Protein backbone atom coordinates (compact mmCIF):
# COMPACT_ATOMS: atom_id res chain seq x y z
CA UNK A 1 91.91 22.62 62.19
CA UNK A 2 90.49 22.93 66.23
CA UNK A 3 92.33 19.76 68.01
CA UNK A 4 90.80 17.33 69.85
CA UNK A 5 91.60 18.60 73.58
CA UNK A 6 90.27 22.03 72.40
CA UNK A 7 86.98 20.50 71.49
CA UNK A 8 87.29 18.42 74.78
CA UNK A 9 88.02 21.59 77.19
CA UNK A 10 85.14 23.29 75.52
CA UNK A 11 82.84 20.90 75.98
CA UNK A 12 83.97 20.85 79.72
CA UNK A 13 83.28 24.55 79.44
CA UNK A 14 80.02 24.61 78.09
CA UNK A 15 79.30 22.07 80.49
CA UNK A 16 80.35 24.28 83.39
CA UNK A 17 78.82 27.56 82.39
CA UNK A 18 75.76 25.96 81.73
CA UNK A 19 75.48 24.34 85.33
CA UNK A 20 76.40 28.01 86.88
CA UNK A 21 72.99 29.52 84.69
CA UNK A 22 70.98 26.61 85.83
CA UNK A 23 71.72 27.30 89.39
CA UNK A 24 71.00 30.79 89.15
CA UNK A 25 67.88 30.86 87.55
CA UNK A 26 65.43 32.86 88.33
CA UNK A 27 62.59 31.47 85.40
CA UNK A 28 62.25 27.74 84.01
CA UNK A 29 63.59 29.23 80.35
CA UNK A 30 67.42 30.20 81.79
CA UNK A 31 67.13 26.96 83.99
CA UNK A 32 66.38 24.59 80.54
CA UNK A 33 68.43 26.47 78.84
CA UNK A 34 71.63 26.57 81.40
CA UNK A 35 71.02 22.28 81.59
CA UNK A 36 71.25 22.24 77.81
CA UNK A 37 74.36 23.80 77.54
CA UNK A 38 75.39 21.37 80.29
CA UNK A 39 73.69 18.24 78.36
CA UNK A 40 75.13 19.42 74.52
CA UNK A 41 78.63 19.76 77.04
CA UNK A 42 78.70 16.26 78.61
CA UNK A 43 77.16 14.52 74.79
CA UNK A 44 79.70 16.30 73.20
CA UNK A 45 82.52 14.65 75.37
CA UNK A 46 81.78 11.05 75.39
CA UNK A 47 81.15 11.77 71.46
CA UNK A 48 84.42 12.97 71.59
CA UNK A 49 85.60 9.89 73.65
CA UNK A 50 83.73 7.74 71.41
CA UNK A 51 85.89 9.20 68.06
CA UNK A 52 88.92 7.76 69.90
CA UNK A 53 88.30 4.21 69.29
CA UNK A 54 87.26 2.22 66.30
CA UNK A 55 83.98 1.13 65.79
CA UNK A 56 83.34 -2.67 65.72
CA UNK A 57 86.06 -3.73 67.61
CA UNK A 58 85.57 -5.13 70.72
CA UNK A 59 87.93 -6.01 73.21
CA UNK A 60 87.37 -9.11 75.80
CA UNK A 61 89.33 -9.18 79.06
């Protein structure tokens, strides 16, 4: 099974590849595809961060 750190690195890599593709896009389809790659990488990292914290518990400062 892939570790949590490996998945986070994959999300970061997908985000950067998506931005690289979107920056060099010559047509709207490639731009949209690159931005979707970036969005997926960011969403993956946010989801992994949310998995680290138990649901239903709230800390009050």
